C-alpha atoms as a PDB file:
ATOM      1  CA  UNK A   1      86.397  99.640  91.726  1.00  0.00           C
ATOM      2  CA  UNK A   2      83.909  98.784  88.961  1.00  0.00           C
ATOM      3  CA  UNK A   3      81.561  95.807  89.364  1.00  0.00           C
ATOM      4  CA  UNK A   4      83.164  93.444  86.724  1.00  0.00           C
ATOM      5  CA  UNK A   5      86.680  94.229  87.879  1.00  0.00           C
ATOM      6  CA  UNK A   6      86.846  91.030  90.217  1.00  0.00           C
ATOM      7  CA  UNK A   7      85.000  89.231  87.917  1.00  0.00           C
ATOM      8  CA  UNK A   8      87.505  89.929  85.266  1.00  0.00           C
ATOM      9  CA  UNK A   9      90.495  89.250  87.233  1.00  0.00           C
ATOM     10  CA  UNK A  10      89.108  85.857  88.411  1.00  0.00           C
ATOM     11  CA  UNK A  11      88.850  84.730  84.917  1.00  0.00           C
ATOM     12  CA  UNK A  12      92.082  85.780  83.747  1.00  0.00           C
ATOM     13  CA  UNK A  13      94.535  85.003  86.807  1.00  0.00           C
ATOM     14  CA  UNK A  14      94.902  81.271  86.067  1.00  0.00           C
ATOM     15  CA  UNK A  15      96.638  82.140  82.712  1.00  0.00           C
ATOM     16  CA  UNK A  16      98.039  85.662  83.896  1.00  0.00           C
ATOM     17  CA  UNK A  17     100.135  87.428  86.484  1.00  0.00           C
ATOM     18  CA  UNK A  18      97.779  90.214  87.706  1.00  0.00           C
ATOM     19  CA  UNK A  19      99.730  93.179  88.539  1.00  0.00           C
ATOM     20  CA  UNK A  20      98.537  96.472  90.443  1.00  0.00           C
ATOM     21  CA  UNK A  21     100.082  99.729  88.737  1.00  0.00           C
ATOM     22  CA  UNK A  22      98.980 102.959  90.020  1.00  0.00           C
ATOM     23  CA  UNK A  23      99.240 106.342  90.423  1.00  0.00           C
ATOM     24  CA  UNK A  24      97.568 106.448  93.665  1.00  0.00           C
ATOM     25  CA  UNK A  25      98.913 106.529  97.099  1.00  0.00           C
ATOM     26  CA  UNK A  26      99.111 103.130  98.796  1.00  0.00           C
ATOM     27  CA  UNK A  27      95.933 104.449 101.493  1.00  0.00           C
ATOM     28  CA  UNK A  28      93.900 105.193  98.065  1.00  0.00           C
ATOM     29  CA  UNK A  29      94.560 101.853  97.025  1.00  0.00           C
ATOM     30  CA  UNK A  30      94.080  99.697 100.038  1.00  0.00           C
ATOM     31  CA  UNK A  31      90.624  98.240  99.211  1.00  0.00           C
ATOM     32  CA  UNK A  32      91.525  97.012  95.826  1.00  0.00           C
ATOM     33  CA  UNK A  33      94.469  95.529  97.517  1.00  0.00           C
ATOM     34  CA  UNK A  34      92.195  93.707 100.241  1.00  0.00           C
ATOM     35  CA  UNK A  35      89.652  92.509  97.671  1.00  0.00           C
ATOM     36  CA  UNK A  36      92.170  90.960  95.139  1.00  0.00           C
ATOM     37  CA  UNK A  37      95.472  88.858  95.435  1.00  0.00           C
ATOM     38  CA  UNK A  38      97.933  90.782  93.161  1.00  0.00           C
ATOM     39  CA  UNK A  39     101.031  88.918  91.717  1.00  0.00           C
ATOM     40  CA  UNK A  40     102.777  92.092  92.306  1.00  0.00           C
ATOM     41  CA  UNK A  41     102.059  95.832  93.462  1.00  0.00           C
ATOM     42  CA  UNK A  42     103.657  98.916  91.995  1.00  0.00           C
ATOM     43  CA  UNK A  43     102.427 102.003  93.508  1.00  0.00           C
ATOM     44  CA  UNK A  44     103.582 105.801  92.543  1.00  0.00           C
ATOM     45  CA  UNK A  45     104.029 106.467  96.424  1.00  0.00           C
ATOM     46  CA  UNK A  46     106.563 103.704  96.901  1.00  0.00           C
ATOM     47  CA  UNK A  47     108.331 104.095  93.430  1.00  0.00           C
ATOM     48  CA  UNK A  48     108.500 107.791  93.632  1.00  0.00           C
ATOM     49  CA  UNK A  49     107.145 108.213  89.850  1.00  0.00           C
ATOM     50  CA  UNK A  50     103.974 108.417  88.059  1.00  0.00           C
ATOM     51  CA  UNK A  51     103.206 106.240  84.892  1.00  0.00           C
ATOM     52  CA  UNK A  52     103.542 109.126  82.458  1.00  0.00           C
ATOM     53  CA  UNK A  53     106.591 110.625  83.832  1.00  0.00           C
ATOM     54  CA  UNK A  54     109.184 111.231  81.337  1.00  0.00           C
ATOM     55  CA  UNK A  55     111.579 109.289  83.100  1.00  0.00           C
ATOM     56  CA  UNK A  56     109.786 105.934  82.380  1.00  0.00           C
ATOM     57  CA  UNK A  57     110.642 104.825  86.050  1.00  0.00           C
ATOM     58  CA  UNK A  58     107.456 103.147  86.636  1.00  0.00           C
ATOM     59  CA  UNK A  59     106.930 100.929  83.940  1.00  0.00           C
ATOM     60  CA  UNK A  60     110.889 100.146  84.009  1.00  0.00           C
ATOM     61  CA  UNK A  61     110.527  98.789  87.598  1.00  0.00           C
ATOM     62  CA  UNK A  62     107.442  97.028  86.393  1.00  0.00           C
ATOM     63  CA  UNK A  63     109.519  95.170  83.707  1.00  0.00           C
ATOM     64  CA  UNK A  64     112.559  94.689  86.000  1.00  0.00           C
ATOM     65  CA  UNK A  65     110.933  93.290  88.817  1.00  0.00           C
ATOM     66  CA  UNK A  66     108.818  90.739  86.702  1.00  0.00           C
ATOM     67  CA  UNK A  67     111.779  89.819  84.889  1.00  0.00           C
ATOM     68  CA  UNK A  68     110.043  90.296  81.579  1.00  0.00           C
ATOM     69  CA  UNK A  69     110.372  92.046  78.279  1.00  0.00           C
ATOM     70  CA  UNK A  70     107.935  94.469  77.070  1.00  0.00           C
ATOM     71  CA  UNK A  71     106.258  92.293  74.477  1.00  0.00           C
ATOM     72  CA  UNK A  72     105.536  89.947  77.348  1.00  0.00           C
ATOM     73  CA  UNK A  73     102.699  91.802  78.953  1.00  0.00           C
ATOM     74  CA  UNK A  74      99.683  94.388  78.557  1.00  0.00           C
ATOM     75  CA  UNK A  75      98.950  97.221  80.259  1.00  0.00           C
ATOM     76  CA  UNK A  76      95.027  97.822  80.788  1.00  0.00           C
ATOM     77  CA  UNK A  77      94.420 101.155  81.861  1.00  0.00           C
ATOM     78  CA  UNK A  78      91.739 103.848  82.026  1.00  0.00           C
ATOM     79  CA  UNK A  79      93.927 107.018  81.596  1.00  0.00           C
ATOM     80  CA  UNK A  80      96.326 109.102  79.217  1.00  0.00           C
ATOM     81  CA  UNK A  81      99.267 108.281  81.422  1.00  0.00           C
ATOM     82  CA  UNK A  82      98.548 104.543  81.430  1.00  0.00           C
ATOM     83  CA  UNK A  83      98.686 104.487  77.455  1.00  0.00           C
ATOM     84  CA  UNK A  84     101.444 107.118  77.370  1.00  0.00           C
ATOM     85  CA  UNK A  85     103.589 105.350  80.130  1.00  0.00           C
ATOM     86  CA  UNK A  86     103.069 101.942  78.519  1.00  0.00           C
ATOM     87  CA  UNK A  87     103.906 102.933  74.943  1.00  0.00           C
ATOM     88  CA  UNK A  88     106.824 104.690  75.336  1.00  0.00           C
ATOM     89  CA  UNK A  89     108.325 101.389  77.099  1.00  0.00           C
ATOM     90  CA  UNK A  90     106.977  99.339  74.220  1.00  0.00           C
ATOM     91  CA  UNK A  91     104.407  97.613  76.117  1.00  0.00           C
ATOM     92  CA  UNK A  92     100.938  96.852  74.496  1.00  0.00           C
ATOM     93  CA  UNK A  93      98.187  98.307  75.889  1.00  0.00           C
ATOM     94  CA  UNK A  94      94.396  98.301  76.404  1.00  0.00           C
ATOM     95  CA  UNK A  95      92.346 101.434  76.895  1.00  0.00           C
ATOM     96  CA  UNK A  96      89.027 101.148  78.558  1.00  0.00           C
ATOM     97  CA  UNK A  97      87.346 104.307  78.091  1.00  0.00           C
ATOM     98  CA  UNK A  98      84.339 103.912  80.578  1.00  0.00           C
ATOM     99  CA  UNK A  99      83.532 107.712  80.652  1.00  0.00           C
ATOM    100  CA  UNK A 100      84.003 108.533  76.803  1.00  0.00           C
ATOM    101  CA  UNK A 101      87.153 110.700  77.395  1.00  0.00           C
ATOM    102  CA  UNK A 102      88.887 112.360  74.491  1.00  0.00           C
ATOM    103  CA  UNK A 103      92.143 110.748  73.418  1.00  0.00           C
ATOM    104  CA  UNK A 104      95.020 112.840  74.734  1.00  0.00           C
ATOM    105  CA  UNK A 105      97.704 110.186  73.083  1.00  0.00           C
ATOM    106  CA  UNK A 106      99.037 109.609  69.478  1.00  0.00           C
ATOM    107  CA  UNK A 107      99.351 105.856  70.004  1.00  0.00           C
ATOM    108  CA  UNK A 108      96.887 103.421  69.518  1.00  0.00           C
ATOM    109  CA  UNK A 109      95.885 100.995  72.272  1.00  0.00           C
END
């Protein structure tokens, strides 16, 4: 977890629901789950799909479980699958590119 993650979440959680949407296994994100109280958690291991899968299962599950339309949420991510998966579901995205990766997607976050 990055140093500014908890501070950012603390600042926005009074106004927004905060969810963890991860392509990791549950064991890989346990420390995040212990450090932050999320409104909902969506993990690929449990959903049996990844954010960038063509079946769109991950983000469809997020929208259904939160009972929101795609234009009511934003997905903040650091990978191409974060941007691609959100975009094909009509979800606005914010790309945090801490490592100066080259863009692997056509959409504009």
